[in-house]
N, C-alpha and C. Protein backbone atom coordinates (compact mmCIF):
# COMPACT_ATOMS: atom_id res chain seq x y z
N ASN A 1 38.96 -29.96 30.81
CA ASN A 1 38.70 -28.28 31.79
C ASN A 1 39.40 -29.00 33.10
N CYS A 2 39.26 -29.74 33.53
CA CYS A 2 39.62 -30.59 34.52
C CYS A 2 40.67 -30.26 34.97
N TYR A 3 41.92 -30.71 34.02
CA TYR A 3 43.53 -30.56 34.28
C TYR A 3 43.64 -29.43 34.23
N LEU A 4 42.52 -28.47 33.27
CA LEU A 4 43.20 -26.94 33.23
C LEU A 4 42.84 -26.52 34.64
N TYR A 5 41.56 -27.20 35.59
CA TYR A 5 41.06 -25.88 36.03
C TYR A 5 42.69 -26.84 38.35
N LEU A 6 43.03 -28.06 37.32
CA LEU A 6 43.94 -28.40 38.82
C LEU A 6 45.61 -27.75 38.90
N ILE A 7 45.79 -26.63 37.11
CA ILE A 7 46.63 -26.00 36.93
C ILE A 7 46.26 -25.23 37.60
N MET A 8 45.40 -24.57 36.95
CA MET A 8 44.84 -23.06 37.96
C MET A 8 45.32 -22.77 39.35
N LEU A 9 44.04 -24.34 39.85
CA LEU A 9 44.55 -24.13 41.53
C LEU A 9 45.69 -24.35 42.53
N SER A 10 47.09 -25.54 41.14
CA SER A 10 47.74 -25.40 42.27
C SER A 10 48.68 -23.72 41.78
N MET A 11 48.69 -23.18 40.96
CA MET A 11 49.05 -21.53 40.14
C MET A 11 48.24 -20.77 41.70
N TYR A 12 47.40 -21.08 41.73
CA TYR A 12 47.12 -20.08 42.76
C TYR A 12 47.45 -20.07 44.22
N LEU A 13 47.57 -21.90 44.54
CA LEU A 13 47.84 -22.12 46.05
C LEU A 13 49.88 -21.05 46.06
N TRP A 14 50.63 -22.12 44.94
CA TRP A 14 52.03 -21.60 44.78
C TRP A 14 52.14 -20.14 45.09
N LEU A 15 50.78 -19.15 44.32
CA LEU A 15 51.13 -17.98 45.26
C LEU A 15 50.68 -17.25 46.56
N VAL A 16 49.63 -17.92 46.49
CA VAL A 16 48.92 -17.78 48.77
C VAL A 16 50.81 -18.57 49.25
N PHE A 17 51.12 -19.31 48.79
CA PHE A 17 52.35 -19.15 49.41
C PHE A 17 53.08 -18.87 48.95
N ILE A 18 53.43 -18.46 48.07
CA ILE A 18 55.19 -17.68 48.39
C ILE A 18 54.63 -15.53 48.37
N THR A 19 53.18 -15.44 48.72
CA THR A 19 53.03 -14.18 48.98
C THR A 19 52.86 -14.58 50.70
N LEU A 20 52.86 -15.47 51.51
CA LEU A 20 52.54 -15.26 52.58
C LEU A 20 54.31 -15.95 52.98
N GLY A 21 55.31 -16.25 52.57
CA GLY A 21 56.69 -16.23 52.64
C GLY A 21 56.77 -15.15 52.78
N TRP A 22 57.37 -13.99 51.93
CA TRP A 22 57.35 -12.63 51.26
C TRP A 22 57.04 -11.94 52.58
N LEU A 23 55.23 -11.50 53.25
CA LEU A 23 54.73 -11.41 54.61
C LEU A 23 55.83 -11.64 55.37
N PHE A 24 56.31 -13.39 56.17
CA PHE A 24 57.08 -13.60 56.88
C PHE A 24 57.78 -13.20 57.22
N THR A 25 58.80 -12.89 55.58
CA THR A 25 60.53 -12.02 55.95
C THR A 25 60.10 -11.24 56.41
N PHE A 26 59.31 -10.05 55.64
CA PHE A 26 58.86 -8.91 56.73
C PHE A 26 58.99 -9.08 57.92
N HIS A 27 57.93 -9.67 58.46
CA HIS A 27 58.18 -9.40 60.16
C HIS A 27 59.38 -9.98 60.17
N SER A 28 60.35 -10.83 59.94
CA SER A 28 61.00 -11.49 60.88
C SER A 28 62.00 -10.41 61.14
N LEU A 29 62.50 -9.82 60.28
CA LEU A 29 62.75 -8.05 59.88
C LEU A 29 63.19 -6.82 60.18
N GLN A 30 61.31 -7.48 61.04
CA GLN A 30 60.61 -6.01 61.67
C GLN A 30 61.70 -5.99 63.12
N SER A 31 61.56 -7.25 63.33
CA SER A 31 62.68 -7.37 64.50
C SER A 31 63.85 -6.99 64.60
N TYR A 32 64.56 -6.77 63.87
CA TYR A 32 65.80 -5.69 63.49
C TYR A 32 65.75 -4.33 63.24
N LEU A 33 64.49 -4.49 62.32
CA LEU A 33 64.76 -3.09 61.49
C LEU A 33 63.37 -2.73 62.18
N SER A 34 62.85 -0.74 61.44
CA SER A 34 62.20 -0.31 61.73
C SER A 34 61.05 -0.97 60.79
N ALA A 35 59.62 -0.76 60.23
CA ALA A 35 58.86 -1.04 59.60
C ALA A 35 59.19 -0.40 57.83
N GLU A 36 60.02 0.32 58.16
CA GLU A 36 60.27 1.43 56.50
C GLU A 36 61.64 0.04 56.67
N GLY A 37 62.23 -0.15 56.98
CA GLY A 37 63.76 -0.88 57.15
C GLY A 37 63.70 -1.50 56.80
N ALA A 38 61.94 -2.52 57.51
CA ALA A 38 61.96 -4.23 56.54
C ALA A 38 61.73 -4.32 55.64
N THR A 39 60.81 -3.46 55.15
CA THR A 39 60.09 -4.05 53.23
C THR A 39 60.84 -2.74 52.67
N ARG A 40 62.35 -2.34 53.57
CA ARG A 40 63.72 -1.99 51.87
C ARG A 40 63.52 -3.64 52.02
N GLY A 41 64.45 -3.85 52.65
CA GLY A 41 65.05 -5.69 53.84
C GLY A 41 63.93 -6.85 52.34
N VAL A 42 62.70 -6.47 52.35
CA VAL A 42 62.17 -7.29 51.83
C VAL A 42 62.86 -7.56 50.16
N SER A 43 61.96 -6.12 49.88
CA SER A 43 62.65 -4.81 48.59
C SER A 43 63.66 -6.24 47.49
N PHE A 44 65.36 -5.70 48.57
CA PHE A 44 66.45 -5.63 48.22
C PHE A 44 66.61 -7.24 48.20
N ILE A 45 65.47 -8.28 49.23
CA ILE A 45 66.51 -9.36 48.73
C ILE A 45 65.47 -10.15 47.01
N HIS A 46 64.33 -9.01 47.17
CA HIS A 46 63.14 -10.08 45.40
C HIS A 46 64.65 -9.45 44.93
N SER A 47 64.41 -8.32 44.49
CA SER A 47 65.76 -7.38 44.25
C SER A 47 66.65 -9.10 43.42
N VAL A 48 67.46 -9.02 44.26
CA VAL A 48 68.83 -9.31 44.13
C VAL A 48 67.90 -11.21 43.13
N LEU A 49 67.53 -11.74 44.25
CA LEU A 49 67.41 -13.25 43.73
C LEU A 49 66.35 -13.20 42.25
N SER A 50 64.99 -11.96 42.48
CA SER A 50 64.66 -12.43 41.12
C SER A 50 65.06 -11.31 39.52
N THR A 51 66.47 -11.01 39.64
CA THR A 51 67.66 -11.02 39.08
C THR A 51 68.60 -11.78 38.91
N LEU A 52 68.98 -13.10 39.42
CA LEU A 52 69.60 -14.31 39.26
C LEU A 52 69.25 -15.18 38.41
N LEU A 53 67.69 -15.13 38.93
CA LEU A 53 67.11 -16.82 38.65
C LEU A 53 66.52 -15.88 36.96
N SER A 54 65.80 -14.58 36.82
CA SER A 54 65.58 -13.97 35.56
C SER A 54 66.39 -13.91 34.55
N GLY A 55 67.34 -13.17 35.42
CA GLY A 55 68.69 -13.42 34.28
C GLY A 55 70.14 -14.95 34.03
N TYR A 56 69.35 -15.73 35.60
CA TYR A 56 70.36 -17.25 35.02
C TYR A 56 69.12 -17.77 34.15
N LEU A 57 68.47 -17.18 33.41
CA LEU A 57 66.93 -18.06 32.20
C LEU A 57 67.56 -16.89 31.14
N TYR A 58 67.49 -16.54 31.29
CA TYR A 58 68.03 -15.38 30.17
C TYR A 58 69.26 -15.85 30.06
N MET A 59 70.69 -16.20 30.75
CA MET A 59 71.49 -16.19 30.01
C MET A 59 72.27 -17.42 29.25
N THR A 60 71.42 -19.22 30.31
CA THR A 60 71.37 -20.41 30.18
C THR A 60 70.35 -20.53 28.74
N HIS A 61 69.24 -20.00 29.06
CA HIS A 61 68.36 -20.41 27.76
C HIS A 61 68.07 -19.49 26.45
N GLY A 62 68.24 -19.00 27.13
CA GLY A 62 68.59 -17.44 25.96
C GLY A 62 67.27 -16.96 25.22
N PHE A 63 67.24 -16.16 24.82
CA PHE A 63 65.96 -15.82 24.47
C PHE A 63 65.25 -16.62 23.24
N SER A 64 63.86 -17.06 23.19
CA SER A 64 63.48 -17.78 22.78
C SER A 64 62.37 -18.24 22.09
N GLY A 65 62.60 -16.45 21.51
CA GLY A 65 61.46 -15.99 20.90
C GLY A 65 60.30 -14.59 21.07
N PHE A 66 59.69 -14.38 20.21
CA PHE A 66 58.34 -13.21 20.94
C PHE A 66 57.01 -14.24 20.76
N GLY A 67 56.31 -14.21 21.93
CA GLY A 67 55.00 -15.43 22.05
C GLY A 67 55.42 -16.24 22.77
N ARG A 68 56.05 -17.17 22.27
CA ARG A 68 56.36 -18.52 22.41
C ARG A 68 55.54 -18.78 23.97
N ARG A 69 55.55 -19.97 24.40
CA ARG A 69 55.63 -20.33 24.97
C ARG A 69 56.31 -20.49 26.86
N THR A 70 55.21 -20.68 27.50
CA THR A 70 56.33 -19.99 28.38
C THR A 70 55.99 -21.47 29.18
N SER A 71 57.40 -21.68 30.03
CA SER A 71 58.12 -22.61 30.20
C SER A 71 57.32 -22.17 32.21
N ASP A 72 57.63 -24.09 32.63
CA ASP A 72 57.13 -23.94 33.88
C ASP A 72 58.59 -23.39 34.80
N LYS A 73 59.91 -23.06 34.11
CA LYS A 73 60.81 -22.59 35.49
C LYS A 73 60.53 -20.71 35.31
N GLN A 74 59.81 -20.51 33.98
CA GLN A 74 59.23 -19.24 33.56
C GLN A 74 57.82 -18.60 34.69
N CYS A 75 57.39 -19.76 34.58
CA CYS A 75 56.14 -19.23 35.68
C CYS A 75 56.49 -19.17 37.27
N PHE A 76 57.70 -20.40 37.30
CA PHE A 76 57.96 -19.93 38.70
C PHE A 76 58.54 -18.75 38.99
N VAL A 77 58.93 -18.11 38.92
CA VAL A 77 59.73 -16.85 38.57
C VAL A 77 59.22 -15.99 38.09
N ALA A 78 58.56 -15.95 37.19
CA ALA A 78 56.42 -15.28 37.25
C ALA A 78 55.80 -14.74 38.71
N LEU A 79 55.75 -16.32 38.95
CA LEU A 79 55.01 -16.49 40.39
C LEU A 79 55.64 -15.66 41.88
N LEU A 80 57.28 -15.70 42.02
CA LEU A 80 57.70 -15.60 42.79
C LEU A 80 57.67 -13.29 42.99
N SER A 81 57.34 -13.13 41.61
CA SER A 81 57.77 -11.83 41.71
C SER A 81 56.02 -11.00 42.12
N ILE A 82 54.58 -11.88 41.11
CA ILE A 82 53.46 -11.34 41.59
C ILE A 82 53.17 -11.72 43.26
N GLY A 83 53.87 -12.75 43.55
CA GLY A 83 53.54 -12.76 45.49
C GLY A 83 54.16 -11.36 45.60
N TYR A 84 55.25 -10.96 45.75
CA TYR A 84 55.96 -9.66 45.92
C TYR A 84 55.16 -8.06 45.61
N PHE A 85 54.88 -8.44 44.71
CA PHE A 85 54.10 -6.86 44.43
C PHE A 85 52.59 -6.99 45.55
N LEU A 86 52.29 -8.51 45.68
CA LEU A 86 51.09 -8.22 46.15
C LEU A 86 51.25 -8.11 47.20
N TYR A 87 51.78 -8.87 48.29
CA TYR A 87 52.33 -8.90 49.63
C TYR A 87 53.04 -6.61 49.94
N ASP A 88 54.35 -6.31 48.38
CA ASP A 88 54.26 -5.28 49.01
C ASP A 88 53.40 -3.51 49.02
N SER A 89 52.00 -4.43 47.88
CA SER A 89 51.21 -3.29 48.04
C SER A 89 50.00 -3.71 49.28
N ILE A 90 50.25 -4.99 50.05
CA ILE A 90 49.51 -5.09 51.10
C ILE A 90 49.99 -3.88 52.53
N ILE A 91 51.14 -4.72 52.18
CA ILE A 91 52.39 -3.87 53.25
C ILE A 91 52.01 -2.51 52.95
N GLY A 92 51.90 -1.66 51.90
CA GLY A 92 52.78 -0.44 51.83
C GLY A 92 51.42 0.16 52.02
N ALA A 93 49.89 -0.37 51.78
CA ALA A 93 48.66 0.27 52.09
C ALA A 93 48.95 0.03 53.65
N LYS A 94 49.15 -1.17 54.38
CA LYS A 94 49.31 -1.32 55.49
C LYS A 94 49.13 0.54 56.62
N LEU A 95 51.05 0.90 56.05
CA LEU A 95 51.41 1.23 56.64
C LEU A 95 51.22 3.15 55.95
N GLY A 96 50.77 2.80 55.05
CA GLY A 96 50.78 4.25 54.41
C GLY A 96 51.97 4.48 53.96
N ILE A 97 52.99 3.76 53.02
CA ILE A 97 53.99 4.19 51.94
C ILE A 97 54.23 3.72 50.86
N LEU A 98 52.95 3.02 50.36
CA LEU A 98 52.56 2.87 48.71
C LEU A 98 51.81 3.97 48.49
N GLU A 99 53.46 4.64 47.88
CA GLU A 99 53.14 5.91 46.45
C GLU A 99 52.66 5.27 45.57
N SER A 100 51.65 6.63 44.52
CA SER A 100 50.67 6.09 43.78
C SER A 100 51.39 5.40 42.75
N HIS A 101 52.81 6.10 42.51
CA HIS A 101 53.51 5.48 40.84
C HIS A 101 54.02 4.21 41.19
N PHE A 102 54.32 3.94 42.58
CA PHE A 102 54.94 3.06 42.61
C PHE A 102 53.37 1.40 42.92
N PHE A 103 52.12 1.92 43.35
CA PHE A 103 51.04 1.36 42.89
C PHE A 103 50.85 1.01 41.53
N LEU A 104 50.66 1.90 40.65
CA LEU A 104 50.63 2.07 39.37
C LEU A 104 51.67 1.62 38.71
N HIS A 105 52.87 1.25 39.52
CA HIS A 105 54.09 0.30 38.26
C HIS A 105 53.62 -1.50 39.16
N HIS A 106 53.50 -1.51 40.38
CA HIS A 106 53.00 -3.15 40.60
C HIS A 106 51.97 -3.53 39.95
N ILE A 107 50.47 -2.99 39.30
CA ILE A 107 49.97 -2.93 38.70
C ILE A 107 49.95 -3.90 37.48
N VAL A 108 51.13 -2.78 36.71
CA VAL A 108 51.50 -3.05 35.33
C VAL A 108 52.26 -3.91 35.93
N ALA A 109 53.15 -4.45 36.25
CA ALA A 109 54.40 -5.97 36.38
C ALA A 109 53.09 -7.69 36.96
N ILE A 110 51.99 -7.02 38.38
CA ILE A 110 50.71 -7.94 38.52
C ILE A 110 50.95 -8.40 36.89
N SER A 111 49.99 -7.83 36.42
CA SER A 111 48.64 -7.85 35.40
C SER A 111 49.68 -8.95 34.66
N SER A 112 50.94 -8.07 33.97
CA SER A 112 51.81 -9.10 32.84
C SER A 112 52.52 -10.15 33.52
N LEU A 113 52.85 -10.11 34.33
CA LEU A 113 53.03 -11.31 35.14
C LEU A 113 52.37 -13.04 34.57
N ALA A 114 51.35 -11.83 35.34
CA ALA A 114 49.29 -13.27 35.65
C ALA A 114 48.96 -13.42 34.31
N TYR A 115 49.36 -12.12 32.83
CA TYR A 115 49.19 -12.67 31.59
C TYR A 115 49.43 -14.17 31.01
N THR A 116 51.26 -13.90 31.47
CA THR A 116 52.15 -14.79 30.65
C THR A 116 51.41 -15.99 31.79
N LEU A 117 51.02 -15.79 32.86
CA LEU A 117 51.82 -17.70 33.28
C LEU A 117 49.48 -18.07 33.54
N ILE A 118 48.47 -17.22 33.17
CA ILE A 118 47.38 -17.91 32.99
C ILE A 118 47.72 -17.82 31.61
N TYR A 119 48.08 -17.25 30.72
CA TYR A 119 47.95 -18.15 28.98
C TYR A 119 48.65 -18.42 28.98
N ARG A 120 49.55 -18.46 29.23
CA ARG A 120 50.77 -19.86 28.84
C ARG A 120 51.37 -19.15 27.84
N VAL A 121 52.09 -17.66 27.33
CA VAL A 121 53.12 -17.49 26.21
C VAL A 121 53.25 -16.42 26.61
N SER A 122 54.19 -15.61 26.21
CA SER A 122 55.48 -14.52 26.36
C SER A 122 56.28 -14.76 27.05
N GLY A 123 56.80 -15.82 27.34
CA GLY A 123 57.15 -16.42 28.73
C GLY A 123 58.54 -15.84 28.50
N SER A 124 59.24 -15.84 27.36
CA SER A 124 60.44 -15.13 27.40
C SER A 124 61.08 -13.19 27.32
N GLU A 125 59.65 -13.35 26.78
CA GLU A 125 59.87 -10.97 26.60
C GLU A 125 59.59 -11.22 28.12
N ILE A 126 58.98 -11.38 28.61
CA ILE A 126 57.99 -10.95 30.13
C ILE A 126 58.76 -11.19 31.13
N VAL A 127 60.40 -12.41 31.59
CA VAL A 127 61.14 -13.11 32.07
C VAL A 127 62.39 -12.09 31.70
N SER A 128 62.72 -11.79 30.37
CA SER A 128 64.26 -11.00 29.89
C SER A 128 63.39 -9.63 30.40
N CYS A 129 62.15 -9.36 30.01
CA CYS A 129 62.22 -7.53 30.80
C CYS A 129 61.63 -7.34 32.22
N LEU A 130 61.78 -8.73 32.91
CA LEU A 130 62.23 -8.64 34.27
C LEU A 130 63.35 -8.78 34.96
N PHE A 131 64.40 -9.68 33.97
CA PHE A 131 65.80 -8.86 34.38
C PHE A 131 66.23 -7.99 34.78
N PHE A 132 66.11 -7.06 32.81
CA PHE A 132 66.05 -6.31 32.88
C PHE A 132 65.75 -4.72 33.66
N THR A 133 64.76 -5.32 34.17
CA THR A 133 64.27 -4.14 34.51
C THR A 133 64.40 -4.63 36.61
N GLU A 134 64.71 -5.62 36.76
CA GLU A 134 66.15 -5.84 38.28
C GLU A 134 66.58 -5.75 38.31
N ALA A 135 68.18 -5.65 37.51
CA ALA A 135 69.54 -5.49 37.60
C ALA A 135 69.69 -4.21 38.07
N SER A 136 69.10 -3.08 38.39
CA SER A 136 69.41 -1.92 38.97
C SER A 136 69.12 -2.17 39.82
N ASN A 137 67.84 -2.63 40.75
CA ASN A 137 67.38 -2.21 41.86
C ASN A 137 67.74 -2.58 43.27
N PRO A 138 69.02 -3.91 43.40
CA PRO A 138 69.80 -3.85 44.99
C PRO A 138 70.17 -3.20 44.64
N PHE A 139 71.27 -1.62 44.08
CA PHE A 139 72.13 -0.58 44.13
C PHE A 139 70.24 0.14 44.73
N TYR A 140 68.89 0.03 44.00
CA TYR A 140 68.62 1.62 44.00
C TYR A 140 68.36 1.32 46.11
N HIS A 141 67.83 -0.31 46.74
CA HIS A 141 67.74 -0.73 47.73
C HIS A 141 68.81 -1.01 48.44
N ALA A 142 69.94 -0.53 48.10
CA ALA A 142 71.48 -0.49 48.88
C ALA A 142 71.28 0.84 49.37
N HIS A 143 71.06 1.74 48.25
CA HIS A 143 71.40 3.30 48.47
C HIS A 143 70.60 4.00 50.15
N TRP A 144 69.56 3.51 50.20
CA TRP A 144 68.21 3.36 51.61
C TRP A 144 69.36 2.99 52.17
N PHE A 145 69.76 1.92 52.75
CA PHE A 145 70.72 1.54 53.83
C PHE A 145 71.91 1.99 54.07
N LEU A 146 72.68 2.45 52.48
CA LEU A 146 74.14 3.02 52.99
C LEU A 146 73.11 4.08 53.39
N ARG A 147 72.76 5.89 53.21
CA ARG A 147 72.44 6.23 52.84
C ARG A 147 71.54 6.71 54.91
N ASN A 148 71.24 5.56 55.50
CA ASN A 148 70.05 5.85 56.47
C ASN A 148 71.05 5.23 57.48
N HIS A 149 71.82 4.33 57.14
CA HIS A 149 71.91 3.07 58.50
C HIS A 149 74.01 3.28 57.66
N HIS A 150 74.00 4.37 57.10
CA HIS A 150 75.36 4.01 56.97
C HIS A 150 76.34 5.15 56.31
N PRO A 151 75.78 7.23 57.08
CA PRO A 151 76.20 7.69 56.01
C PRO A 151 77.05 8.63 55.94
N ASP A 152 78.51 7.67 57.34
CA ASP A 152 79.81 7.97 57.09
C ASP A 152 80.53 6.66 56.30
N CYS A 153 79.83 6.55 55.58
CA CYS A 153 80.82 5.45 54.21
C CYS A 153 80.19 6.81 53.28
N GLU A 154 81.50 7.50 52.81
CA GLU A 154 80.35 8.18 51.86
C GLU A 154 81.19 7.71 50.65
N ASN A 155 82.52 6.73 50.24
CA ASN A 155 83.29 6.57 49.28
C ASN A 155 82.70 5.32 48.67
N LEU A 156 81.51 4.47 49.77
CA LEU A 156 81.24 3.68 49.20
C LEU A 156 79.45 3.95 48.78
N LEU A 157 78.81 4.53 49.21
CA LEU A 157 78.14 5.27 48.47
C LEU A 157 77.56 6.20 47.50
N SER A 158 79.23 7.32 47.23
CA SER A 158 79.25 7.58 45.90
C SER A 158 79.32 5.85 44.83
N ILE A 159 79.86 4.56 45.42
CA ILE A 159 80.39 3.55 44.09
C ILE A 159 78.81 3.54 44.26
N ASN A 160 77.87 2.66 44.75
CA ASN A 160 76.79 2.38 45.00
C ASN A 160 76.39 3.27 43.88
N ILE A 161 76.35 4.82 44.59
CA ILE A 161 75.32 5.22 43.73
C ILE A 161 75.90 5.79 41.46
N MET A 162 77.27 5.20 41.57
CA MET A 162 77.79 4.35 40.14
C MET A 162 76.93 4.00 39.35
N ALA A 163 77.20 2.36 40.05
CA ALA A 163 76.63 0.99 39.40
C ALA A 163 75.22 1.55 39.85
N PHE A 164 74.41 2.20 40.43
CA PHE A 164 73.17 2.21 39.89
C PHE A 164 73.15 2.71 38.58
N LEU A 165 73.24 3.64 38.93
CA LEU A 165 73.02 4.95 37.53
C LEU A 165 73.63 3.91 36.15
N THR A 166 74.66 3.00 36.14
CA THR A 166 74.96 2.57 35.22
C THR A 166 74.42 1.66 34.73
N ALA A 167 74.17 0.32 36.15
CA ALA A 167 72.72 -0.53 35.87
C ALA A 167 71.69 0.12 35.24
N PHE A 168 71.48 0.64 35.45
CA PHE A 168 69.86 1.56 35.21
C PHE A 168 70.32 1.85 33.54
N VAL A 169 70.64 3.00 33.82
CA VAL A 169 70.98 3.74 32.37
C VAL A 169 70.98 1.78 31.30
N VAL A 170 71.97 0.81 31.21
CA VAL A 170 72.32 0.76 30.50
C VAL A 170 70.89 -0.96 30.45
N PHE A 171 70.58 -1.32 31.69
CA PHE A 171 69.80 -2.36 31.59
C PHE A 171 68.33 -1.75 31.81
N ARG A 172 68.06 -0.84 32.53
CA ARG A 172 65.77 -0.44 32.26
C ARG A 172 65.73 0.23 31.57
N PHE A 173 67.07 0.99 30.63
CA PHE A 173 66.64 2.22 30.67
C PHE A 173 66.65 1.25 28.71
N PHE A 174 67.77 1.14 28.30
CA PHE A 174 68.02 0.60 26.18
C PHE A 174 67.94 -0.76 26.81
N LEU A 175 68.18 -1.91 27.75
CA LEU A 175 67.36 -2.63 26.86
C LEU A 175 66.75 -2.94 26.88
N THR A 176 65.13 -2.64 28.63
CA THR A 176 64.16 -2.38 27.94
C THR A 176 63.55 -1.75 27.34
N SER A 177 63.61 -0.77 27.05
CA SER A 177 63.45 -0.20 25.44
C SER A 177 63.54 -0.28 24.76
N VAL A 178 64.72 -1.43 24.25
CA VAL A 178 64.56 -2.79 22.92
C VAL A 178 64.09 -3.51 22.85
N LEU A 179 63.98 -3.96 23.50
CA LEU A 179 62.59 -5.56 24.08
C LEU A 179 61.08 -4.80 23.93
N ILE A 180 61.25 -3.67 24.77
CA ILE A 180 59.52 -3.04 24.16
C ILE A 180 59.68 -2.41 22.92
N PHE A 181 60.18 -1.77 22.24
CA PHE A 181 60.13 -1.40 20.99
C PHE A 181 60.20 -2.73 19.86
N SER A 182 60.65 -4.12 20.27
CA SER A 182 61.19 -4.98 19.66
C SER A 182 59.61 -6.03 19.52
N ALA A 183 59.34 -6.04 20.91
CA ALA A 183 57.82 -6.80 20.84
C ALA A 183 56.84 -6.31 20.74
N MET A 184 56.70 -4.47 19.81
CA MET A 184 56.21 -4.00 19.48
C MET A 184 55.60 -4.56 18.38
N HIS A 185 56.53 -3.89 17.64
CA HIS A 185 56.55 -4.80 16.27
C HIS A 185 56.66 -6.51 15.42
N SER A 186 56.36 -6.96 16.94
CA SER A 186 55.94 -8.14 16.82
C SER A 186 54.76 -9.00 16.92
N ARG A 187 54.58 -9.97 15.85
CA ARG A 187 53.07 -10.31 15.42
C ARG A 187 52.35 -11.15 16.08
N SER A 188 53.53 -11.94 17.06
CA SER A 188 53.01 -12.72 17.75
C SER A 188 52.70 -12.37 19.20
N VAL A 189 53.44 -11.53 20.02
CA VAL A 189 53.19 -10.68 20.58
C VAL A 189 51.58 -10.14 21.05
N PRO A 190 50.92 -10.68 22.27
CA PRO A 190 49.39 -10.42 22.49
C PRO A 190 49.87 -8.73 22.79
N HIS A 191 48.69 -8.46 22.22
CA HIS A 191 48.03 -6.77 22.79
C HIS A 191 48.32 -6.19 23.52
N TYR A 192 47.64 -7.17 24.65
CA TYR A 192 47.52 -7.31 26.18
C TYR A 192 49.19 -6.89 26.57
N VAL A 193 50.19 -7.54 26.46
CA VAL A 193 51.43 -7.64 26.78
C VAL A 193 52.26 -6.26 25.74
N LYS A 194 52.27 -6.35 24.92
CA LYS A 194 52.18 -4.79 24.35
C LYS A 194 51.60 -3.01 24.90
N ILE A 195 50.08 -3.55 25.53
CA ILE A 195 49.81 -2.16 25.96
C ILE A 195 50.71 -2.05 27.23
N THR A 196 51.16 -3.46 28.49
CA THR A 196 51.44 -3.19 29.31
C THR A 196 52.78 -2.71 29.70
N GLY A 197 53.69 -2.93 28.32
CA GLY A 197 55.05 -2.53 27.83
C GLY A 197 55.41 -1.59 27.34
N VAL A 198 54.29 -0.88 27.05
CA VAL A 198 54.51 0.55 27.03
C VAL A 198 54.10 1.56 27.70
N SER A 199 53.04 0.63 28.78
CA SER A 199 52.62 1.49 29.93
C SER A 199 54.26 1.36 30.84
N LEU A 200 54.84 0.65 31.07
CA LEU A 200 56.06 0.46 31.83
C LEU A 200 57.26 0.85 31.35
N LEU A 201 57.28 1.69 29.77
CA LEU A 201 58.52 2.65 29.45
C LEU A 201 57.98 3.35 29.16
N ILE A 202 56.61 4.04 29.59
CA ILE A 202 56.47 5.94 30.10
C ILE A 202 56.85 5.61 31.78
N MET A 203 57.07 4.61 31.95
CA MET A 203 57.52 4.96 34.06
C MET A 203 58.41 4.52 33.96
N ASN A 204 59.34 4.06 33.13
CA ASN A 204 61.24 3.97 32.56
C ASN A 204 61.05 5.39 32.25
N MET A 205 60.36 6.00 31.37
CA MET A 205 61.07 7.29 31.23
C MET A 205 60.95 8.49 32.21
N ALA A 206 59.92 8.09 33.13
CA ALA A 206 59.69 9.17 34.38
C ALA A 206 60.75 9.18 34.83
N PHE A 207 60.64 7.93 35.45
CA PHE A 207 61.65 8.13 36.67
C PHE A 207 63.54 7.72 35.91
N SER A 208 63.71 7.90 34.55
CA SER A 208 64.52 8.99 34.17
C SER A 208 64.90 10.02 34.50
N ILE A 209 63.58 10.55 33.59
CA ILE A 209 63.68 12.22 34.07
C ILE A 209 64.77 12.77 36.02
N VAL A 210 63.66 12.52 36.74
CA VAL A 210 63.73 11.70 37.68
C VAL A 210 65.17 11.50 38.86
N LEU A 211 65.59 10.97 37.98
CA LEU A 211 66.74 10.93 38.48
C LEU A 211 67.71 11.45 37.81
N GLY A 212 68.09 11.96 36.23
CA GLY A 212 68.44 12.80 35.85
C GLY A 212 69.33 14.50 36.13
N GLN A 213 67.28 14.41 37.33
CA GLN A 213 67.25 16.12 38.06
C GLN A 213 68.33 15.35 39.68
N GLN A 214 68.68 14.38 39.90
CA GLN A 214 68.94 13.63 41.28
C GLN A 214 70.07 13.66 40.64
N PHE A 215 70.56 13.14 39.58
CA PHE A 215 72.11 13.34 40.05
C PHE A 215 72.58 14.50 39.05
N LEU A 216 71.74 15.81 38.84
CA LEU A 216 72.51 17.24 38.39
C LEU A 216 72.54 17.49 39.81
N CYS A 217 72.17 17.14 40.84
CA CYS A 217 72.23 17.68 42.49
C CYS A 217 73.05 17.40 43.05
N TYR A 218 73.49 15.79 42.81
CA TYR A 218 74.21 15.64 43.69
C TYR A 218 75.36 16.21 42.86
N LEU A 219 75.35 16.24 41.76
CA LEU A 219 77.14 17.13 41.60
C LEU A 219 77.38 18.70 42.28
N GLY A 220 75.56 18.85 41.82
CA GLY A 220 76.06 20.32 42.74
C GLY A 220 76.20 20.16 44.54
N GLY A 221 76.45 19.13 44.68
CA GLY A 221 76.69 18.73 46.12
C GLY A 221 75.66 18.52 47.38
N ARG A 222 74.52 17.71 46.26
CA ARG A 222 73.40 17.89 47.75
C ARG A 222 73.37 16.00 47.66
N PRO A 223 72.52 15.49 48.11
CA PRO A 223 72.32 13.74 48.42
C PRO A 223 71.47 13.64 47.24
N PHE A 224 72.15 13.00 46.85
CA PHE A 224 71.04 12.03 45.69
C PHE A 224 70.33 10.77 46.56
N ALA A 225 68.67 11.55 46.95
CA ALA A 225 67.89 11.20 47.71
C ALA A 225 66.36 10.48 46.72
N VAL A 226 66.67 9.73 45.74
CA VAL A 226 65.83 8.88 45.25
C VAL A 226 65.24 7.85 46.25
N ASP A 227 64.33 7.80 46.40
CA ASP A 227 64.29 6.29 47.13
C ASP A 227 63.13 6.04 46.42
């Protein structure tokens, strides 16, 4: 019990440290950008880091199977993203820019990542899912900066839109769906992980519909304005 207590205390301290790190990054960027621009900058940094780290674990260690023990490296990646989602919820609520669907997404993300940390199970599928869902986000956040700070770079903006949509369809829609449906049929995956997976799947479907509508508007000559 004492050993378990020390592990939980260590994870809690790491989480506080990481969350404060994201808050420090936000305030540093706010010296050069608006409040919304600073939040976008932090989100862009997180999306790149989480994609690279979770992608590295996925590519080098492979998929170890459903319901397996969470490794220390997987725990660190989970802590990094939990800290980000906590920071984003705090700043979003403070600035009044945290919309309800993003708040719901953060709750689902934090709960699933926290589960794999506390119970040390399902690390492989959780980190793989993090990789698939974050892979398109660097392009998503880059779109905001291009549209608001470099609207004259139309060709670059168009390339980024197509890169975002391609990454979204391949990673966030297709591969994430395959992973979640596979987890649903596995007896080794805890029920709580399955519930959060289904919740994420529903949100992905809703986001896909919005993206489809915006893409049709974009083809019709109107701006691609998904934020």
